Protein backbone atom coordinates (compact mmCIF):
# COMPACT_ATOMS: atom_id res chain seq x y z
CA MET A 1 -6.97 -10.79 -21.02
CA TYR A 2 -6.75 -14.01 -18.96
CA ALA A 3 -8.65 -17.25 -19.61
CA ILE A 4 -10.45 -17.28 -16.28
CA ASP A 5 -14.14 -16.84 -15.59
CA TYR A 6 -13.92 -14.69 -12.51
CA LYS A 7 -15.00 -11.34 -11.09
CA ILE A 8 -14.02 -9.79 -7.78
CA PRO A 9 -17.00 -9.83 -5.41
CA LEU A 10 -18.41 -6.42 -4.55
CA VAL A 11 -18.41 -5.87 -0.78
CA ASP A 12 -20.29 -3.59 1.58
CA LEU A 13 -17.43 -1.63 3.12
CA THR A 14 -19.50 -0.55 6.13
CA LYS A 15 -19.25 -4.13 7.37
CA ILE A 16 -15.56 -4.35 6.48
CA ARG A 17 -14.72 -1.24 8.50
CA LEU A 18 -16.07 -2.76 11.68
CA PRO A 19 -13.29 -3.68 14.15
CA HIS A 20 -11.90 -7.16 13.95
CA TYR A 21 -10.00 -7.35 17.19
CA GLN A 22 -13.05 -8.32 19.31
CA ILE A 23 -13.36 -11.59 17.36
CA GLN A 24 -12.44 -14.45 19.66
CA VAL A 25 -9.28 -16.40 18.89
CA ASP A 26 -9.36 -20.14 19.50
CA GLU A 27 -6.19 -20.69 21.53
CA GLN A 28 -6.94 -24.44 21.69
CA SER A 29 -6.65 -24.82 17.92
CA ALA A 30 -3.52 -26.58 16.65
CA LEU A 31 -3.11 -23.66 14.26
CA PHE A 32 -2.63 -21.29 17.21
CA HIS A 33 0.68 -22.98 18.00
CA GLU A 34 1.75 -23.65 14.40
CA PRO A 35 5.41 -22.76 13.73
CA LEU A 36 6.56 -20.02 11.42
CA VAL A 37 8.50 -21.02 8.28
CA ASN A 38 10.94 -19.06 6.17
CA LEU A 39 9.56 -18.21 2.72
CA LYS A 40 13.00 -18.80 1.16
CA ASP A 41 12.21 -22.51 1.50
CA TYR A 42 9.07 -22.17 -0.69
CA ASP A 43 8.33 -21.11 -4.25
CA LEU A 44 7.28 -17.67 -2.93
CA PRO A 45 9.26 -14.60 -4.01
CA PHE A 46 9.60 -12.15 -1.12
CA LEU A 47 10.90 -8.61 -0.64
CA SER A 48 10.65 -6.99 2.77
CA TRP A 49 9.23 -3.60 1.76
CA HIS A 50 9.85 -2.20 5.23
CA ALA A 51 13.52 -3.21 5.16
CA VAL A 52 14.47 -1.80 1.74
CA THR A 53 17.66 0.26 2.06
CA ASP A 54 17.87 2.18 -1.28
CA GLY A 55 14.98 4.57 -0.62
CA SER A 56 12.68 3.04 -3.21
CA ASN A 57 10.13 1.77 -0.66
CA ALA A 58 7.56 4.57 -0.83
CA PRO A 59 6.12 6.11 1.24
CA TYR A 60 8.89 5.36 3.73
CA GLY A 61 12.05 6.02 1.71
CA LYS A 62 14.12 4.22 4.35
CA PRO A 63 14.20 1.01 6.40
CA ILE A 64 11.65 0.94 9.21
CA GLY A 65 12.95 0.21 12.69
CA GLY A 66 12.43 -3.41 13.67
CA SER A 67 12.06 -4.66 10.09
CA HIS A 68 13.92 -7.75 8.81
CA GLN A 69 15.05 -8.87 5.38
CA GLU A 70 13.59 -12.38 5.61
CA GLY A 71 9.89 -13.30 5.33
CA TRP A 72 8.13 -15.70 7.69
CA LEU A 73 4.59 -17.11 7.78
CA ARG A 74 2.70 -19.91 9.48
CA LYS A 75 3.44 -23.24 7.80
CA THR A 76 -0.11 -23.86 6.57
CA VAL A 77 -0.30 -20.32 5.17
CA ALA A 78 2.99 -20.73 3.27
CA GLU A 79 1.86 -24.08 1.82
CA LYS A 80 -1.45 -22.61 0.67
CA LEU A 81 0.32 -19.62 -0.89
CA GLU A 82 2.70 -21.90 -2.77
CA ARG A 83 -0.22 -23.80 -4.29
CA ALA A 84 -1.97 -20.57 -5.24
CA ASN A 85 1.24 -19.34 -6.81
CA GLY A 86 1.41 -22.47 -8.94
CA LEU A 87 -1.92 -21.59 -10.54
CA LEU A 88 -0.34 -18.44 -11.97
CA LYS A 89 2.39 -20.19 -13.99
CA PRO A 90 0.32 -20.52 -17.22
CA PHE A 91 -0.14 -16.76 -17.15
CA ASN A 92 3.58 -15.98 -16.74
CA ALA A 93 2.70 -14.37 -13.41
CA GLU A 94 3.66 -14.99 -9.80
CA LEU A 95 2.86 -13.70 -6.36
CA PHE A 96 5.37 -11.21 -5.06
CA ILE A 97 5.03 -10.93 -1.28
CA LEU A 98 6.04 -7.61 0.24
CA ASP A 99 5.13 -8.15 3.89
CA ALA A 100 4.39 -11.28 5.92
CA TYR A 101 4.96 -11.86 9.65
CA ARG A 102 5.68 -8.47 11.20
CA SER A 103 7.41 -8.17 14.53
CA ILE A 104 5.93 -5.90 17.17
CA GLU A 105 9.13 -3.85 16.88
CA CYS A 106 8.42 -3.24 13.19
CA GLN A 107 4.81 -2.39 13.97
CA CYS A 108 6.08 0.19 16.46
CA GLY A 109 8.42 1.57 13.79
CA LEU A 110 5.53 1.95 11.34
CA TRP A 111 3.40 3.64 13.98
CA GLU A 112 6.19 6.11 14.71
CA PHE A 113 6.63 6.85 10.99
CA PHE A 114 2.99 7.74 10.40
CA TYR A 115 2.61 9.53 13.75
CA GLU A 116 5.57 11.79 12.91
CA ARG A 117 4.38 12.29 9.32
CA GLY A 118 1.12 13.50 10.77
CA ARG A 119 3.05 15.96 12.90
CA GLU A 120 4.95 17.23 9.87
CA ILE A 121 1.69 17.83 8.02
CA ASN A 122 0.08 19.56 11.00
CA PRO A 123 2.63 20.72 13.61
CA SER A 124 -0.15 22.01 15.87
CA ALA A 125 -2.08 18.73 15.90
CA SER A 126 -3.11 17.30 19.24
CA GLU A 127 -2.05 13.85 20.44
CA GLU A 128 -5.47 12.49 19.57
CA GLU A 129 -5.35 14.03 16.07
CA LEU A 130 -1.94 12.47 15.48
CA ARG A 131 -3.25 9.14 16.75
CA GLN A 132 -6.20 9.23 14.40
CA TYR A 133 -3.95 10.16 11.50
CA ALA A 134 -1.63 7.20 12.18
CA LEU A 135 -4.62 4.86 12.61
CA GLY A 136 -5.53 5.60 9.00
CA TYR A 137 -2.49 3.59 8.03
CA VAL A 138 -1.51 1.15 10.79
CA ARG A 139 -2.83 -0.46 13.99
CA ASP A 140 -1.64 1.18 17.23
CA PRO A 141 0.84 -1.23 18.86
CA ARG A 142 1.42 0.69 22.07
CA ASN A 143 -0.97 -1.47 24.14
CA PHE A 144 0.25 -4.75 22.70
CA ASN A 145 -0.08 -7.70 25.12
CA ARG A 146 0.98 -11.10 23.83
CA LEU A 147 -1.55 -12.69 26.19
CA ASP A 148 -4.48 -10.68 24.81
CA SER A 149 -5.44 -11.28 21.17
CA ARG A 150 -7.55 -8.12 21.19
CA THR A 151 -4.26 -6.17 21.07
CA PHE A 152 -2.72 -8.10 18.15
CA PRO A 153 -1.73 -6.11 15.07
CA ILE A 154 -2.90 -8.52 12.37
CA HIS A 155 0.49 -9.12 10.71
CA ILE A 156 1.87 -10.43 13.98
CA THR A 157 -0.30 -13.55 13.58
CA GLY A 158 1.87 -14.82 10.74
CA SER A 159 -1.23 -15.33 8.58
CA SER A 160 -1.47 -11.98 6.76
CA ILE A 161 0.37 -10.93 3.63
CA ASP A 162 0.78 -7.84 1.54
CA VAL A 163 1.23 -9.00 -2.05
CA THR A 164 1.23 -7.97 -5.65
CA LEU A 165 1.80 -9.70 -9.00
CA ARG A 166 4.85 -9.65 -11.19
CA GLN A 167 5.88 -11.35 -14.45
CA ARG A 168 7.48 -14.69 -13.74
CA ASP A 169 10.15 -14.38 -16.49
CA THR A 170 11.22 -10.74 -16.10
CA GLY A 171 10.25 -9.83 -12.54
CA GLN A 172 8.42 -6.71 -13.77
CA TRP A 173 5.56 -5.68 -11.52
CA LEU A 174 2.14 -5.94 -13.14
CA ASN A 175 -0.09 -2.90 -13.28
CA MET A 176 -2.55 -3.17 -10.38
CA GLY A 177 -3.97 0.32 -10.83
CA SER A 178 -2.34 2.02 -7.86
CA LYS A 179 0.98 1.81 -6.09
CA PHE A 180 1.59 -0.53 -3.17
CA GLU A 181 0.96 1.26 0.14
CA GLU A 182 -0.92 4.06 -1.67
CA ILE A 183 -4.12 4.22 0.37
CA ILE A 184 -6.60 6.04 -1.82
CA ASP A 185 -10.07 5.25 -3.28
CA ILE A 186 -8.56 3.45 -6.26
CA SER A 187 -6.77 1.03 -3.89
CA ALA A 188 -10.05 -0.64 -2.94
CA THR A 189 -9.96 -4.12 -4.44
CA ASP A 190 -13.28 -3.89 -6.27
CA TYR A 191 -12.65 -0.36 -7.59
CA PHE A 192 -12.27 -1.42 -11.22
CA GLU A 193 -15.22 -3.82 -11.04
CA ARG A 194 -17.36 -0.85 -10.10
CA GLN A 195 -15.74 1.31 -12.79
CA LEU A 196 -16.64 -1.38 -15.35
CA GLN A 197 -20.24 -1.39 -14.16
CA LEU A 198 -20.30 2.42 -14.65
CA GLY A 199 -18.87 2.11 -18.16
CA ALA A 200 -15.79 4.13 -17.13
CA ILE A 201 -13.35 1.39 -18.27
CA VAL A 202 -13.45 -1.36 -20.92
CA GLU A 203 -13.71 -5.06 -20.22
CA ASN A 204 -10.07 -5.76 -21.12
CA ASP A 205 -8.55 -3.15 -18.82
CA GLU A 206 -5.27 -4.70 -17.57
CA ARG A 207 -5.75 -3.21 -14.06
CA LEU A 208 -9.09 -4.98 -13.71
CA TRP A 209 -7.75 -8.27 -14.93
CA ASN A 210 -4.55 -8.25 -12.93
CA ARG A 211 -6.56 -7.76 -9.76
CA ARG A 212 -8.96 -10.48 -10.81
CA LEU A 213 -6.07 -12.89 -11.52
CA MET A 214 -4.47 -12.37 -8.12
CA ASP A 215 -7.79 -12.59 -6.26
CA TRP A 216 -8.77 -15.73 -8.20
CA ALA A 217 -5.50 -17.50 -7.38
CA LEU A 218 -5.55 -16.61 -3.69
CA ARG A 219 -9.27 -17.42 -3.17
CA SER A 220 -8.58 -20.84 -4.60
CA GLU A 221 -6.82 -21.51 -1.28
CA ASP A 222 -9.47 -19.71 0.81
CA PHE A 223 -7.48 -16.51 1.31
CA LEU A 224 -9.68 -13.45 1.71
CA ASN A 225 -8.84 -9.87 0.89
CA ASP A 226 -9.27 -6.80 3.01
CA PRO A 227 -11.37 -5.01 0.34
CA ILE A 228 -10.06 -1.58 1.32
CA LEU A 229 -6.55 -2.57 0.15
CA TYR A 230 -6.13 -4.78 -2.95
CA TRP A 231 -2.74 -6.02 -1.68
CA HIS A 232 -3.73 -7.34 1.76
CA TYR A 233 -4.85 -10.97 2.20
CA ASP A 234 -5.51 -13.15 5.25
CA TRP A 235 -6.21 -16.71 6.13
CA GLY A 236 -7.43 -18.06 9.48
CA ASN A 237 -7.10 -14.89 11.54
CA GLN A 238 -9.52 -12.29 12.87
CA ILE A 239 -9.70 -10.20 9.68
CA TRP A 240 -10.30 -13.38 7.67
CA VAL A 241 -13.27 -14.22 9.94
CA LYS A 242 -14.61 -10.63 9.70
CA VAL A 243 -14.43 -10.59 5.89
CA LYS A 244 -15.88 -14.07 5.62
CA ASN A 245 -18.81 -13.03 7.81
CA ALA A 246 -19.35 -9.92 5.70
CA ILE A 247 -19.41 -11.90 2.44
CA TYR A 248 -20.77 -15.33 3.34
CA GLY A 249 -22.35 -15.04 6.82
CA ASN A 250 -21.11 -16.66 9.99
CA ALA A 251 -17.66 -18.23 9.95
CA PRO A 252 -15.80 -20.15 12.68
CA ALA A 253 -13.12 -18.38 14.71
CA LYS A 254 -9.59 -19.43 13.75
């Protein structure tokens, strides 16, 4: 499919599912105080999935409270993404960012959406059952304290993205094997690598290669993926440290 010699690393998900919020944040680092920049000033196509108004943003079907149309990220993160995106030009592909910096208000809106969806599914559910259901999709923001990094939903750091690939000339989304925000087994980043090992798919399966292409470009700039979700990548935050530890061993706090 693509002229790259690359395979997505297989990851032990038991390590990935460990909590990240206990990882210490270095508040003395210059990156801690780095400004946010608007993605419209970079070669980085962006659509705020949580702010879509025409109902096409499954599973929400409406704008989420607190969402905004513009995308923002830490300056270093935006610059690294722009370089990674440049690597995709020979393949007529580009990164299409669907979520970047997320305000705490938007995080609360997402929590409310999944909490209430849990109630619709099971009207007799207890508060704890509803909480556990919502936690399957989003970090609980109700105890957020801007002075305590242990309470930070990861997108509030300005160094996390949700992203897919699209064709550079037509804007058509490439086939990644499952829909964005569809959290099922097939959404695990290495799913098709494992399917190939089992002989369940062929080597030139476009879903396998599209995931490889995106991972290859982003890892060129040291982004790491949350292996449970093929669309989520981080750089320099707590999840990035956790994943780096799981794959490579100890990594410095960022």
